[in-house]
PDB file of N, CA and C in Angstrom:
ATOM      1  N   MET A   1     161.201 113.745 204.153  1.00  0.00           N
ATOM      2  CA  MET A   1     160.632 112.463 203.786  1.00  0.00           C
ATOM      3  C   MET A   1     159.760 112.588 202.534  1.00  0.00           C
ATOM      4  N   LYS A   2     158.976 113.640 202.454  1.00  0.00           N
ATOM      5  CA  LYS A   2     158.109 113.808 201.291  1.00  0.00           C
ATOM      6  C   LYS A   2     158.922 113.887 200.001  1.00  0.00           C
ATOM      7  N   ASN A   3     160.043 114.584 200.043  1.00  0.00           N
ATOM      8  CA  ASN A   3     160.869 114.693 198.846  1.00  0.00           C
ATOM      9  C   ASN A   3     161.387 113.334 198.408  1.00  0.00           C
ATOM     10  N   TYR A   4     161.743 112.497 199.372  1.00  0.00           N
ATOM     11  CA  TYR A   4     162.236 111.171 199.053  1.00  0.00           C
ATOM     12  C   TYR A   4     161.175 110.364 198.305  1.00  0.00           C
ATOM     13  N   ILE A   5     159.969 110.412 198.772  1.00  0.00           N
ATOM     14  CA  ILE A   5     158.897 109.643 198.151  1.00  0.00           C
ATOM     15  C   ILE A   5     158.573 110.187 196.762  1.00  0.00           C
ATOM     16  N   LYS A   6     158.570 111.484 196.610  1.00  0.00           N
ATOM     17  CA  LYS A   6     158.293 112.083 195.303  1.00  0.00           C
ATOM     18  C   LYS A   6     159.344 111.715 194.265  1.00  0.00           C
ATOM     19  N   GLU A   7     160.563 111.484 194.720  1.00  0.00           N
ATOM     20  CA  GLU A   7     161.651 111.177 193.794  1.00  0.00           C
ATOM     21  C   GLU A   7     161.687 109.715 193.365  1.00  0.00           C
ATOM     22  N   LEU A   8     160.919 108.864 194.028  1.00  0.00           N
ATOM     23  CA  LEU A   8     160.912 107.443 193.675  1.00  0.00           C
ATOM     24  C   LEU A   8     160.186 107.212 192.358  1.00  0.00           C
ATOM     25  N   THR A   9     160.647 106.212 191.647  1.00  0.00           N
ATOM     26  CA  THR A   9     159.955 105.833 190.415  1.00  0.00           C
ATOM     27  C   THR A   9     158.665 105.106 190.789  1.00  0.00           C
ATOM     28  N   PRO A  10     157.700 105.076 189.893  1.00  0.00           N
ATOM     29  CA  PRO A  10     156.466 104.342 190.183  1.00  0.00           C
ATOM     30  C   PRO A  10     156.734 102.864 190.509  1.00  0.00           C
ATOM     31  N   GLU A  11     157.706 102.275 189.833  1.00  0.00           N
ATOM     32  CA  GLU A  11     158.042 100.872 190.092  1.00  0.00           C
ATOM     33  C   GLU A  11     158.555 100.683 191.508  1.00  0.00           C
ATOM     34  N   LYS A  12     159.396 101.601 191.971  1.00  0.00           N
ATOM     35  CA  LYS A  12     159.946 101.510 193.321  1.00  0.00           C
ATOM     36  C   LYS A  12     158.844 101.725 194.361  1.00  0.00           C
ATOM     37  N   LYS A  13     157.930 102.659 194.095  1.00  0.00           N
ATOM     38  CA  LYS A  13     156.809 102.888 195.003  1.00  0.00           C
ATOM     39  C   LYS A  13     155.948 101.631 195.123  1.00  0.00           C
ATOM     40  N   LEU A  14     155.689 100.983 193.999  1.00  0.00           N
ATOM     41  CA  LEU A  14     154.905  99.753 194.009  1.00  0.00           C
ATOM     42  C   LEU A  14     155.638  98.665 194.785  1.00  0.00           C
ATOM     43  N   PHE A  15     156.925  98.512 194.535  1.00  0.00           N
ATOM     44  CA  PHE A  15     157.739  97.518 195.227  1.00  0.00           C
ATOM     45  C   PHE A  15     157.699  97.739 196.733  1.00  0.00           C
ATOM     46  N   LEU A  16     157.873  98.971 197.180  1.00  0.00           N
ATOM     47  CA  LEU A  16     157.865  99.272 198.609  1.00  0.00           C
ATOM     48  C   LEU A  16     156.490  99.046 199.232  1.00  0.00           C
ATOM     49  N   SER A  17     155.443  99.425 198.516  1.00  0.00           N
ATOM     50  CA  SER A  17     154.095  99.239 199.070  1.00  0.00           C
ATOM     51  C   SER A  17     153.742  97.757 199.163  1.00  0.00           C
ATOM     52  N   LEU A  18     154.157  96.957 198.194  1.00  0.00           N
ATOM     53  CA  LEU A  18     153.907  95.518 198.266  1.00  0.00           C
ATOM     54  C   LEU A  18     154.696  94.875 199.397  1.00  0.00           C
ATOM     55  N   ASN A  19     155.921  95.315 199.605  1.00  0.00           N
ATOM     56  CA  ASN A  19     156.710  94.810 200.728  1.00  0.00           C
ATOM     57  C   ASN A  19     156.022  95.129 202.051  1.00  0.00           C
ATOM     58  N   LEU A  20     155.517  96.327 202.183  1.00  0.00           N
ATOM     59  CA  LEU A  20     154.810  96.723 203.403  1.00  0.00           C
ATOM     60  C   LEU A  20     153.554  95.881 203.602  1.00  0.00           C
ATOM     61  N   TYR A  21     152.812  95.663 202.540  1.00  0.00           N
ATOM     62  CA  TYR A  21     151.584  94.867 202.597  1.00  0.00           C
ATOM     63  C   TYR A  21     151.880  93.438 203.060  1.00  0.00           C
ATOM     64  N   TYR A  22     152.858  92.802 202.446  1.00  0.00           N
ATOM     65  CA  TYR A  22     153.173  91.416 202.808  1.00  0.00           C
ATOM     66  C   TYR A  22     153.791  91.318 204.201  1.00  0.00           C
ATOM     67  N   ALA A  23     154.543  92.308 204.606  1.00  0.00           N
ATOM     68  CA  ALA A  23     155.092  92.323 205.964  1.00  0.00           C
ATOM     69  C   ALA A  23     153.960  92.444 206.982  1.00  0.00           C
ATOM     70  N   ALA A  24     152.973  93.276 206.688  1.00  0.00           N
ATOM     71  CA  ALA A  24     151.825  93.438 207.590  1.00  0.00           C
ATOM     72  C   ALA A  24     151.033  92.136 207.689  1.00  0.00           C
ATOM     73  N   LYS A  25     150.845  91.444 206.568  1.00  0.00           N
ATOM     74  CA  LYS A  25     150.132  90.165 206.596  1.00  0.00           C
ATOM     75  C   LYS A  25     150.893  89.128 207.411  1.00  0.00           C
ATOM     76  N   GLU A  26     152.203  89.118 207.267  1.00  0.00           N
ATOM     77  CA  GLU A  26     153.025  88.175 208.027  1.00  0.00           C
ATOM     78  C   GLU A  26     152.955  88.464 209.530  1.00  0.00           C
ATOM     79  N   LEU A  27     153.012  89.750 209.886  1.00  0.00           N
ATOM     80  CA  LEU A  27     152.897  90.120 211.296  1.00  0.00           C
ATOM     81  C   LEU A  27     151.532  89.736 211.869  1.00  0.00           C
ATOM     82  N   LYS A  28     150.489  89.964 211.113  1.00  0.00           N
ATOM     83  CA  LYS A  28     149.146  89.608 211.572  1.00  0.00           C
ATOM     84  C   LYS A  28     149.020  88.096 211.728  1.00  0.00           C
ATOM     85  N   THR A  29     149.583  87.344 210.812  1.00  0.00           N
ATOM     86  CA  THR A  29     149.556  85.889 210.896  1.00  0.00           C
ATOM     87  C   THR A  29     150.257  85.407 212.160  1.00  0.00           C
ATOM     88  N   GLU A  30     151.435  85.938 212.423  1.00  0.00           N
ATOM     89  CA  GLU A  30     152.183  85.536 213.613  1.00  0.00           C
ATOM     90  C   GLU A  30     151.465  85.959 214.894  1.00  0.00           C
ATOM     91  N   SER A  31     150.835  87.106 214.862  1.00  0.00           N
ATOM     92  CA  SER A  31     150.072  87.573 216.019  1.00  0.00           C
ATOM     93  C   SER A  31     148.898  86.639 216.322  1.00  0.00           C
ATOM     94  N   LEU A  32     148.183  86.235 215.288  1.00  0.00           N
ATOM     95  CA  LEU A  32     147.067  85.316 215.482  1.00  0.00           C
ATOM     96  C   LEU A  32     147.548  83.966 216.012  1.00  0.00           C
ATOM     97  N   LYS A  33     148.686  83.502 215.511  1.00  0.00           N
ATOM     98  CA  LYS A  33     149.239  82.242 216.002  1.00  0.00           C
ATOM     99  C   LYS A  33     149.568  82.332 217.487  1.00  0.00           C
ATOM    100  N   LYS A  34     150.105  83.471 217.889  1.00  0.00           N
ATOM    101  CA  LYS A  34     150.500  83.653 219.285  1.00  0.00           C
ATOM    102  C   LYS A  34     149.285  83.741 220.205  1.00  0.00           C
ATOM    103  N   PHE A  35     148.293  84.532 219.830  1.00  0.00           N
ATOM    104  CA  PHE A  35     147.158  84.780 220.699  1.00  0.00           C
ATOM    105  C   PHE A  35     146.029  83.755 220.554  1.00  0.00           C
ATOM    106  N   HIS A  36     146.073  82.947 219.487  1.00  0.00           N
ATOM    107  CA  HIS A  36     145.046  81.924 219.266  1.00  0.00           C
ATOM    108  C   HIS A  36     145.702  80.615 218.826  1.00  0.00           C
ATOM    109  N   PRO A  37     146.449  79.995 219.730  1.00  0.00           N
ATOM    110  CA  PRO A  37     147.159  78.761 219.359  1.00  0.00           C
ATOM    111  C   PRO A  37     146.222  77.595 219.010  1.00  0.00           C
ATOM    112  N   GLU A  38     144.955  77.719 219.367  1.00  0.00           N
ATOM    113  CA  GLU A  38     144.005  76.648 219.072  1.00  0.00           C
ATOM    114  C   GLU A  38     143.578  76.612 217.610  1.00  0.00           C
ATOM    115  N   LEU A  39     143.850  77.693 216.865  1.00  0.00           N
ATOM    116  CA  LEU A  39     143.445  77.761 215.461  1.00  0.00           C
ATOM    117  C   LEU A  39     144.384  76.950 214.578  1.00  0.00           C
ATOM    118  N   THR A  40     143.816  76.339 213.555  1.00  0.00           N
ATOM    119  CA  THR A  40     144.629  75.607 212.588  1.00  0.00           C
ATOM    120  C   THR A  40     145.244  76.603 211.598  1.00  0.00           C
ATOM    121  N   ALA A  41     146.193  76.131 210.819  1.00  0.00           N
ATOM    122  CA  ALA A  41     146.840  76.985 209.816  1.00  0.00           C
ATOM    123  C   ALA A  41     145.814  77.506 208.804  1.00  0.00           C
ATOM    124  N   THR A  42     144.885  76.664 208.437  1.00  0.00           N
ATOM    125  CA  THR A  42     143.840  77.072 207.485  1.00  0.00           C
ATOM    126  C   THR A  42     142.942  78.143 208.080  1.00  0.00           C
ATOM    127  N   GLU A  43     142.569  77.996 209.338  1.00  0.00           N
ATOM    128  CA  GLU A  43     141.721  78.990 210.001  1.00  0.00           C
ATOM    129  C   GLU A  43     142.451  80.326 210.111  1.00  0.00           C
ATOM    130  N   ILE A  44     143.714  80.281 210.432  1.00  0.00           N
ATOM    131  CA  ILE A  44     144.502  81.511 210.527  1.00  0.00           C
ATOM    132  C   ILE A  44     144.584  82.189 209.172  1.00  0.00           C
ATOM    133  N   LYS A  45     144.840  81.406 208.143  1.00  0.00           N
ATOM    134  CA  LYS A  45     144.925  81.956 206.783  1.00  0.00           C
ATOM    135  C   LYS A  45     143.615  82.640 206.390  1.00  0.00           C
ATOM    136  N   GLU A  46     142.487  82.010 206.711  1.00  0.00           N
ATOM    137  CA  GLU A  46     141.180  82.592 206.392  1.00  0.00           C
ATOM    138  C   GLU A  46     140.915  83.868 207.194  1.00  0.00           C
ATOM    139  N   LYS A  47     141.299  83.868 208.470  1.00  0.00           N
ATOM    140  CA  LYS A  47     141.111  85.069 209.302  1.00  0.00           C
ATOM    141  C   LYS A  47     141.935  86.237 208.757  1.00  0.00           C
ATOM    142  N   VAL A  48     143.178  85.966 208.397  1.00  0.00           N
ATOM    143  CA  VAL A  48     144.046  87.019 207.852  1.00  0.00           C
ATOM    144  C   VAL A  48     143.457  87.537 206.542  1.00  0.00           C
ATOM    145  N   LYS A  49     142.966  86.640 205.725  1.00  0.00           N
ATOM    146  CA  LYS A  49     142.351  87.030 204.452  1.00  0.00           C
ATOM    147  C   LYS A  49     141.177  87.979 204.689  1.00  0.00           C
ATOM    148  N   LYS A  50     140.310  87.628 205.642  1.00  0.00           N
ATOM    149  CA  LYS A  50     139.148  88.475 205.947  1.00  0.00           C
ATOM    150  C   LYS A  50     139.573  89.809 206.548  1.00  0.00           C
ATOM    151  N   ILE A  51     140.557  89.774 207.438  1.00  0.00           N
ATOM    152  CA  ILE A  51     141.030  91.007 208.068  1.00  0.00           C
ATOM    153  C   ILE A  51     141.518  91.993 207.017  1.00  0.00           C
ATOM    154  N   PHE A  52     142.299  91.500 206.052  1.00  0.00           N
ATOM    155  CA  PHE A  52     142.842  92.395 205.037  1.00  0.00           C
ATOM    156  C   PHE A  52     141.823  92.740 203.963  1.00  0.00           C
ATOM    157  N   LEU A  53     140.860  91.889 203.765  1.00  0.00           N
ATOM    158  CA  LEU A  53     139.811  92.186 202.791  1.00  0.00           C
ATOM    159  C   LEU A  53     138.942  93.346 203.262  1.00  0.00           C
ATOM    160  N   TYR A  54     138.639  93.376 204.557  1.00  0.00           N
ATOM    161  CA  TYR A  54     137.752  94.402 205.107  1.00  0.00           C
ATOM    162  C   TYR A  54     138.479  95.525 205.838  1.00  0.00           C
ATOM    163  N   ALA A  55     139.792  95.582 205.718  1.00  0.00           N
ATOM    164  CA  ALA A  55     140.576  96.623 206.391  1.00  0.00           C
ATOM    165  C   ALA A  55     140.269  97.999 205.803  1.00  0.00           C
ATOM    166  N   ARG A  56     140.297  98.974 206.675  1.00  0.00           N
ATOM    167  CA  ARG A  56     140.099 100.374 206.246  1.00  0.00           C
ATOM    168  C   ARG A  56     141.208 101.213 206.832  1.00  0.00           C
ATOM    169  N   SER A  57     141.521 102.278 206.148  1.00  0.00           N
ATOM    170  CA  SER A  57     142.549 103.180 206.680  1.00  0.00           C
ATOM    171  C   SER A  57     141.973 104.544 206.955  1.00  0.00           C
TER     172      SER A  57
END
């Protein structure tokens, strides 16, 4: 796996990382909708924004 990643161009690495980021945001959005159906779309959007703003790895 490491060799595969090393062989990628910087553009491809950026493309893959952005896809992962947006997929994670979409999953978090759907999760919040499922577990907090009382929230409005705007509230969910703000919660997701805060979650990703303060996320740590």
